[in-house]
Amino acid sequence: MEKEKDYHFTGYNKKLCDTARMLRKNMTKQECQLWHNYLKICIPRWRRQRVIDQYIVDFYCSKAKLIIELDGSQHYTVEGEEYDSVRTEVLEQYGLEVIRFSNDEIDRHFDDSCRYIEEKIKERIGEYPVYH
């Protein structure tokens, strides 16, 4: 009998697996750019569209306990900002830090965004090789 993985530390919600899988297959242009040109080859390891509690986060690094969210225009409405605030509060209860980039930041300032992620990784886990 195969042992079931313990996802308790991130409040894993098995009901969202199919949705997360669909989101991985249908990433936005900016998510694809960040994944293929940086996070996929970054150390420590990152996961795409990870289920945590009742949410699916864009990118998650368990070693650094770091979440990256890429925000489109819907995040800049009153409702979107309120939702993101509650969501961030829930995720922070797991000891996770959420960093956000607008899609525009990824499009226009990709290298700066990657450097910021690298700084956050080092801040959370100390000096660490960033690429394979």
N, C-alpha and C. Protein backbone atom coordinates (compact mmCIF):
# COMPACT_ATOMS: atom_id res chain seq x y z
N MET A 1 0.84 -1.19 0.00
CA MET A 1 0.00 0.00 0.00
C MET A 1 0.88 1.24 0.00
N GLU A 2 0.61 2.16 -0.89
CA GLU A 2 1.39 3.38 -1.00
C GLU A 2 1.05 4.33 0.13
N LYS A 3 2.09 4.89 0.75
CA LYS A 3 1.88 5.84 1.84
C LYS A 3 1.43 7.18 1.27
N GLU A 4 0.38 7.76 1.84
CA GLU A 4 -0.13 9.04 1.39
C GLU A 4 0.79 10.16 1.89
N LYS A 5 1.06 11.13 1.02
CA LYS A 5 1.90 12.25 1.39
C LYS A 5 1.22 13.11 2.44
N ASP A 6 2.02 13.69 3.32
CA ASP A 6 1.49 14.57 4.36
C ASP A 6 1.61 16.01 3.89
N TYR A 7 0.48 16.61 3.53
CA TYR A 7 0.46 17.99 3.07
C TYR A 7 -0.09 18.92 4.14
N HIS A 8 -0.20 18.45 5.36
CA HIS A 8 -0.86 19.21 6.42
C HIS A 8 -0.25 20.59 6.64
N PHE A 9 1.08 20.67 6.53
CA PHE A 9 1.73 21.94 6.85
C PHE A 9 1.30 23.08 5.96
N THR A 10 0.75 22.80 4.80
CA THR A 10 0.26 23.87 3.94
C THR A 10 -1.26 23.81 3.78
N GLY A 11 -1.91 23.03 4.60
CA GLY A 11 -3.36 22.99 4.51
C GLY A 11 -3.83 22.51 3.16
N TYR A 12 -3.19 21.50 2.62
CA TYR A 12 -3.50 20.97 1.30
C TYR A 12 -4.98 20.63 1.16
N ASN A 13 -5.62 21.11 0.11
CA ASN A 13 -7.04 20.87 -0.15
C ASN A 13 -7.15 20.04 -1.43
N LYS A 14 -7.36 18.75 -1.27
CA LYS A 14 -7.38 17.82 -2.39
C LYS A 14 -8.47 18.15 -3.42
N LYS A 15 -9.52 18.82 -3.00
CA LYS A 15 -10.63 19.15 -3.90
C LYS A 15 -10.22 20.11 -5.02
N LEU A 16 -9.12 20.82 -4.82
CA LEU A 16 -8.69 21.81 -5.82
C LEU A 16 -7.65 21.27 -6.81
N CYS A 17 -7.30 19.99 -6.70
CA CYS A 17 -6.26 19.42 -7.56
C CYS A 17 -6.56 19.56 -9.05
N ASP A 18 -7.78 19.23 -9.45
CA ASP A 18 -8.11 19.31 -10.87
C ASP A 18 -8.03 20.74 -11.39
N THR A 19 -8.49 21.68 -10.58
CA THR A 19 -8.41 23.09 -10.99
C THR A 19 -6.96 23.54 -11.10
N ALA A 20 -6.13 23.13 -10.15
CA ALA A 20 -4.70 23.50 -10.19
C ALA A 20 -4.04 22.91 -11.43
N ARG A 21 -4.36 21.67 -11.75
CA ARG A 21 -3.80 21.02 -12.94
C ARG A 21 -4.21 21.79 -14.20
N MET A 22 -5.47 22.20 -14.27
CA MET A 22 -5.94 22.96 -15.42
C MET A 22 -5.21 24.31 -15.52
N LEU A 23 -5.00 24.96 -14.38
CA LEU A 23 -4.30 26.25 -14.38
C LEU A 23 -2.84 26.09 -14.82
N ARG A 24 -2.20 24.97 -14.47
CA ARG A 24 -0.82 24.72 -14.92
C ARG A 24 -0.77 24.59 -16.43
N LYS A 25 -1.80 24.00 -17.01
CA LYS A 25 -1.84 23.81 -18.47
C LYS A 25 -2.20 25.09 -19.20
N ASN A 26 -2.79 26.05 -18.50
CA ASN A 26 -3.28 27.28 -19.12
C ASN A 26 -2.72 28.53 -18.44
N MET A 27 -1.41 28.55 -18.24
CA MET A 27 -0.80 29.70 -17.57
C MET A 27 -0.88 30.94 -18.45
N THR A 28 -0.88 32.10 -17.78
CA THR A 28 -0.86 33.36 -18.52
C THR A 28 0.52 33.53 -19.16
N LYS A 29 0.60 34.47 -20.08
CA LYS A 29 1.88 34.78 -20.74
C LYS A 29 2.96 35.11 -19.71
N GLN A 30 2.61 35.91 -18.71
CA GLN A 30 3.57 36.32 -17.70
C GLN A 30 3.97 35.16 -16.78
N GLU A 31 3.01 34.31 -16.44
CA GLU A 31 3.34 33.12 -15.65
C GLU A 31 4.30 32.22 -16.41
N CYS A 32 4.03 32.02 -17.71
CA CYS A 32 4.93 31.21 -18.55
C CYS A 32 6.33 31.80 -18.59
N GLN A 33 6.41 33.10 -18.76
CA GLN A 33 7.71 33.75 -18.83
C GLN A 33 8.48 33.57 -17.53
N LEU A 34 7.84 33.83 -16.40
CA LEU A 34 8.52 33.69 -15.11
C LEU A 34 8.91 32.24 -14.86
N TRP A 35 8.03 31.30 -15.18
CA TRP A 35 8.31 29.89 -14.95
C TRP A 35 9.46 29.40 -15.84
N HIS A 36 9.33 29.57 -17.14
CA HIS A 36 10.30 28.99 -18.06
C HIS A 36 11.64 29.71 -18.08
N ASN A 37 11.64 31.00 -17.79
CA ASN A 37 12.88 31.76 -17.87
C ASN A 37 13.56 32.01 -16.53
N TYR A 38 12.94 31.56 -15.43
CA TYR A 38 13.57 31.78 -14.13
C TYR A 38 13.26 30.68 -13.11
N LEU A 39 12.02 30.55 -12.70
CA LEU A 39 11.70 29.67 -11.58
C LEU A 39 11.96 28.19 -11.86
N LYS A 40 11.76 27.75 -13.07
CA LYS A 40 11.94 26.34 -13.42
C LYS A 40 13.39 25.89 -13.19
N ILE A 41 14.33 26.81 -13.38
CA ILE A 41 15.75 26.46 -13.22
C ILE A 41 16.34 26.99 -11.91
N CYS A 42 15.51 27.61 -11.12
CA CYS A 42 15.94 28.23 -9.86
C CYS A 42 16.06 27.18 -8.76
N ILE A 43 17.05 27.36 -7.93
CA ILE A 43 17.17 26.58 -6.69
C ILE A 43 16.99 27.56 -5.56
N PRO A 44 16.19 27.26 -4.57
CA PRO A 44 15.47 26.02 -4.33
C PRO A 44 14.32 25.83 -5.30
N ARG A 45 13.76 24.62 -5.28
CA ARG A 45 12.72 24.21 -6.21
C ARG A 45 11.41 24.97 -5.98
N TRP A 46 10.77 25.30 -7.09
CA TRP A 46 9.47 25.98 -7.08
C TRP A 46 8.42 25.08 -7.68
N ARG A 47 7.18 25.26 -7.27
CA ARG A 47 6.03 24.54 -7.83
C ARG A 47 5.06 25.56 -8.40
N ARG A 48 4.40 25.17 -9.49
CA ARG A 48 3.41 26.03 -10.14
C ARG A 48 2.02 25.66 -9.65
N GLN A 49 1.16 26.67 -9.53
CA GLN A 49 -0.25 26.46 -9.21
C GLN A 49 -0.42 25.45 -8.08
N ARG A 50 0.13 25.78 -6.93
CA ARG A 50 0.14 24.91 -5.75
C ARG A 50 -1.09 25.17 -4.89
N VAL A 51 -1.74 24.10 -4.47
CA VAL A 51 -2.91 24.21 -3.59
C VAL A 51 -2.43 24.41 -2.16
N ILE A 52 -2.90 25.48 -1.54
CA ILE A 52 -2.62 25.76 -0.12
C ILE A 52 -3.93 26.25 0.49
N ASP A 53 -4.39 25.50 1.48
CA ASP A 53 -5.66 25.80 2.14
C ASP A 53 -6.75 25.80 1.09
N GLN A 54 -7.54 26.87 1.01
CA GLN A 54 -8.62 26.93 0.03
C GLN A 54 -8.24 27.73 -1.21
N TYR A 55 -6.93 27.91 -1.40
CA TYR A 55 -6.45 28.75 -2.50
C TYR A 55 -5.49 27.96 -3.40
N ILE A 56 -5.31 28.47 -4.60
CA ILE A 56 -4.28 27.98 -5.51
C ILE A 56 -3.35 29.15 -5.76
N VAL A 57 -2.11 29.01 -5.32
CA VAL A 57 -1.14 30.10 -5.49
C VAL A 57 -0.40 29.90 -6.81
N ASP A 58 0.05 31.00 -7.40
CA ASP A 58 0.72 30.91 -8.70
C ASP A 58 2.02 30.11 -8.61
N PHE A 59 2.90 30.48 -7.67
CA PHE A 59 4.18 29.79 -7.50
C PHE A 59 4.49 29.66 -6.02
N TYR A 60 5.06 28.50 -5.64
CA TYR A 60 5.32 28.24 -4.23
C TYR A 60 6.67 27.55 -4.07
N CYS A 61 7.46 28.06 -3.12
CA CYS A 61 8.73 27.45 -2.75
C CYS A 61 8.65 27.04 -1.29
N SER A 62 8.62 25.72 -1.04
CA SER A 62 8.48 25.25 0.34
C SER A 62 9.74 25.53 1.16
N LYS A 63 10.91 25.45 0.55
CA LYS A 63 12.17 25.68 1.28
C LYS A 63 12.21 27.10 1.85
N ALA A 64 11.80 28.07 1.05
CA ALA A 64 11.82 29.48 1.48
C ALA A 64 10.49 29.92 2.09
N LYS A 65 9.49 29.04 2.04
CA LYS A 65 8.14 29.40 2.50
C LYS A 65 7.70 30.71 1.87
N LEU A 66 7.83 30.72 0.53
CA LEU A 66 7.60 31.93 -0.24
C LEU A 66 6.59 31.65 -1.35
N ILE A 67 5.66 32.57 -1.53
CA ILE A 67 4.65 32.49 -2.58
C ILE A 67 4.82 33.69 -3.49
N ILE A 68 4.72 33.45 -4.79
CA ILE A 68 4.73 34.53 -5.78
C ILE A 68 3.37 34.54 -6.45
N GLU A 69 2.77 35.71 -6.48
CA GLU A 69 1.50 35.92 -7.16
C GLU A 69 1.69 36.94 -8.26
N LEU A 70 1.20 36.63 -9.45
CA LEU A 70 1.21 37.58 -10.56
C LEU A 70 -0.21 38.09 -10.74
N ASP A 71 -0.35 39.39 -10.69
CA ASP A 71 -1.67 40.00 -10.65
C ASP A 71 -2.04 40.69 -11.96
N GLY A 72 -3.18 40.29 -12.50
CA GLY A 72 -3.76 40.96 -13.65
C GLY A 72 -4.68 42.07 -13.17
N SER A 73 -5.38 42.67 -14.11
CA SER A 73 -6.20 43.85 -13.80
C SER A 73 -7.30 43.59 -12.77
N GLN A 74 -7.83 42.36 -12.71
CA GLN A 74 -8.91 42.06 -11.76
C GLN A 74 -8.46 42.22 -10.31
N HIS A 75 -7.19 42.18 -10.06
CA HIS A 75 -6.67 42.31 -8.70
C HIS A 75 -6.66 43.77 -8.23
N TYR A 76 -6.86 44.71 -9.13
CA TYR A 76 -6.77 46.12 -8.78
C TYR A 76 -8.14 46.79 -8.66
N THR A 77 -9.16 45.99 -8.46
CA THR A 77 -10.49 46.51 -8.15
C THR A 77 -10.64 46.48 -6.63
N VAL A 78 -11.63 47.15 -6.10
CA VAL A 78 -11.87 47.14 -4.66
C VAL A 78 -12.10 45.70 -4.19
N GLU A 79 -12.94 44.97 -4.91
CA GLU A 79 -13.24 43.58 -4.54
C GLU A 79 -11.99 42.72 -4.62
N GLY A 80 -11.20 42.91 -5.69
CA GLY A 80 -9.98 42.13 -5.87
C GLY A 80 -8.97 42.39 -4.77
N GLU A 81 -8.81 43.64 -4.40
CA GLU A 81 -7.86 43.99 -3.33
C GLU A 81 -8.31 43.44 -1.98
N GLU A 82 -9.61 43.48 -1.71
CA GLU A 82 -10.14 42.92 -0.45
C GLU A 82 -9.92 41.41 -0.41
N TYR A 83 -10.22 40.73 -1.52
CA TYR A 83 -10.03 39.28 -1.60
C TYR A 83 -8.56 38.92 -1.39
N ASP A 84 -7.67 39.63 -2.08
CA ASP A 84 -6.22 39.35 -1.96
C ASP A 84 -5.73 39.59 -0.54
N SER A 85 -6.28 40.59 0.13
CA SER A 85 -5.88 40.88 1.50
C SER A 85 -6.24 39.73 2.44
N VAL A 86 -7.46 39.23 2.32
CA VAL A 86 -7.90 38.11 3.15
C VAL A 86 -7.08 36.86 2.81
N ARG A 87 -6.88 36.63 1.55
CA ARG A 87 -6.11 35.48 1.07
C ARG A 87 -4.69 35.51 1.63
N THR A 88 -4.05 36.66 1.55
CA THR A 88 -2.69 36.80 2.07
C THR A 88 -2.66 36.55 3.57
N GLU A 89 -3.63 37.05 4.28
CA GLU A 89 -3.70 36.85 5.73
C GLU A 89 -3.79 35.36 6.07
N VAL A 90 -4.60 34.63 5.35
CA VAL A 90 -4.73 33.18 5.58
C VAL A 90 -3.40 32.48 5.30
N LEU A 91 -2.78 32.80 4.18
CA LEU A 91 -1.52 32.16 3.79
C LEU A 91 -0.40 32.48 4.79
N GLU A 92 -0.39 33.70 5.31
CA GLU A 92 0.63 34.08 6.29
C GLU A 92 0.49 33.31 7.60
N GLN A 93 -0.69 32.80 7.89
CA GLN A 93 -0.89 32.00 9.09
C GLN A 93 -0.11 30.68 9.03
N TYR A 94 0.31 30.28 7.84
CA TYR A 94 1.15 29.10 7.66
C TYR A 94 2.64 29.44 7.72
N GLY A 95 2.96 30.68 8.04
CA GLY A 95 4.35 31.11 8.07
C GLY A 95 4.91 31.42 6.69
N LEU A 96 4.03 31.62 5.73
CA LEU A 96 4.43 31.90 4.35
C LEU A 96 4.44 33.40 4.10
N GLU A 97 5.30 33.81 3.19
CA GLU A 97 5.32 35.21 2.76
C GLU A 97 4.84 35.26 1.32
N VAL A 98 3.97 36.21 1.04
CA VAL A 98 3.42 36.39 -0.30
C VAL A 98 4.02 37.64 -0.91
N ILE A 99 4.63 37.47 -2.09
CA ILE A 99 5.09 38.65 -2.84
C ILE A 99 4.30 38.70 -4.14
N ARG A 100 3.99 39.92 -4.53
CA ARG A 100 3.13 40.14 -5.69
C ARG A 100 3.84 40.99 -6.74
N PHE A 101 3.59 40.63 -7.98
CA PHE A 101 4.04 41.42 -9.12
C PHE A 101 2.85 41.62 -10.03
N SER A 102 2.76 42.79 -10.61
CA SER A 102 1.73 42.99 -11.63
C SER A 102 2.23 42.33 -12.92
N ASN A 103 1.31 42.00 -13.79
CA ASN A 103 1.72 41.46 -15.09
C ASN A 103 2.62 42.45 -15.82
N ASP A 104 2.33 43.73 -15.65
CA ASP A 104 3.13 44.78 -16.28
C ASP A 104 4.57 44.76 -15.78
N GLU A 105 4.76 44.52 -14.47
CA GLU A 105 6.13 44.44 -13.93
C GLU A 105 6.92 43.31 -14.59
N ILE A 106 6.26 42.17 -14.78
CA ILE A 106 6.92 41.03 -15.43
C ILE A 106 7.25 41.38 -16.88
N ASP A 107 6.32 42.00 -17.56
CA ASP A 107 6.54 42.39 -18.96
C ASP A 107 7.65 43.41 -19.12
N ARG A 108 7.67 44.42 -18.26
CA ARG A 108 8.59 45.55 -18.45
C ARG A 108 9.88 45.46 -17.63
N HIS A 109 9.83 44.78 -16.51
CA HIS A 109 10.99 44.76 -15.60
C HIS A 109 11.29 43.35 -15.13
N PHE A 110 11.38 42.43 -16.08
CA PHE A 110 11.55 41.02 -15.76
C PHE A 110 12.81 40.76 -14.92
N ASP A 111 13.94 41.29 -15.35
CA ASP A 111 15.20 41.05 -14.62
C ASP A 111 15.15 41.61 -13.20
N ASP A 112 14.57 42.79 -13.04
CA ASP A 112 14.43 43.37 -11.70
C ASP A 112 13.53 42.51 -10.82
N SER A 113 12.47 41.97 -11.39
CA SER A 113 11.56 41.10 -10.65
C SER A 113 12.29 39.84 -10.19
N CYS A 114 13.09 39.27 -11.07
CA CYS A 114 13.85 38.06 -10.72
C CYS A 114 14.87 38.36 -9.62
N ARG A 115 15.53 39.50 -9.70
CA ARG A 115 16.48 39.89 -8.65
C ARG A 115 15.77 40.05 -7.30
N TYR A 116 14.59 40.61 -7.32
CA TYR A 116 13.81 40.78 -6.09
C TYR A 116 13.46 39.41 -5.49
N ILE A 117 13.05 38.48 -6.33
CA ILE A 117 12.75 37.12 -5.86
C ILE A 117 14.00 36.50 -5.25
N GLU A 118 15.11 36.65 -5.90
CA GLU A 118 16.38 36.11 -5.40
C GLU A 118 16.72 36.71 -4.03
N GLU A 119 16.53 38.01 -3.87
CA GLU A 119 16.78 38.66 -2.58
C GLU A 119 15.87 38.09 -1.50
N LYS A 120 14.60 37.86 -1.83
CA LYS A 120 13.65 37.30 -0.86
C LYS A 120 14.05 35.89 -0.46
N ILE A 121 14.51 35.09 -1.42
CA ILE A 121 14.96 33.73 -1.10
C ILE A 121 16.12 33.80 -0.12
N LYS A 122 17.11 34.63 -0.41
CA LYS A 122 18.27 34.76 0.47
C LYS A 122 17.87 35.29 1.84
N GLU A 123 16.94 36.21 1.88
CA GLU A 123 16.45 36.77 3.14
C GLU A 123 15.78 35.70 4.00
N ARG A 124 15.08 34.78 3.35
CA ARG A 124 14.31 33.77 4.10
C ARG A 124 15.11 32.52 4.44
N ILE A 125 16.12 32.17 3.64
CA ILE A 125 16.87 30.94 3.94
C ILE A 125 18.38 31.14 3.96
N GLY A 126 18.84 32.36 3.83
CA GLY A 126 20.27 32.61 3.84
C GLY A 126 20.88 32.43 2.46
N GLU A 127 22.20 32.49 2.40
CA GLU A 127 22.88 32.34 1.11
C GLU A 127 22.57 30.97 0.54
N TYR A 128 22.29 30.91 -0.72
CA TYR A 128 21.87 29.68 -1.34
C TYR A 128 22.12 29.78 -2.83
N PRO A 129 22.61 28.70 -3.47
CA PRO A 129 22.77 28.79 -4.93
C PRO A 129 21.40 28.98 -5.58
N VAL A 130 21.31 29.83 -6.56
CA VAL A 130 20.02 30.16 -7.14
C VAL A 130 19.72 29.37 -8.42
N TYR A 131 20.73 28.85 -9.11
CA TYR A 131 20.49 28.09 -10.34
C TYR A 131 21.13 26.73 -10.25
N HIS A 132 20.58 25.77 -11.02
CA HIS A 132 21.14 24.41 -11.10
C HIS A 132 22.50 24.51 -11.74
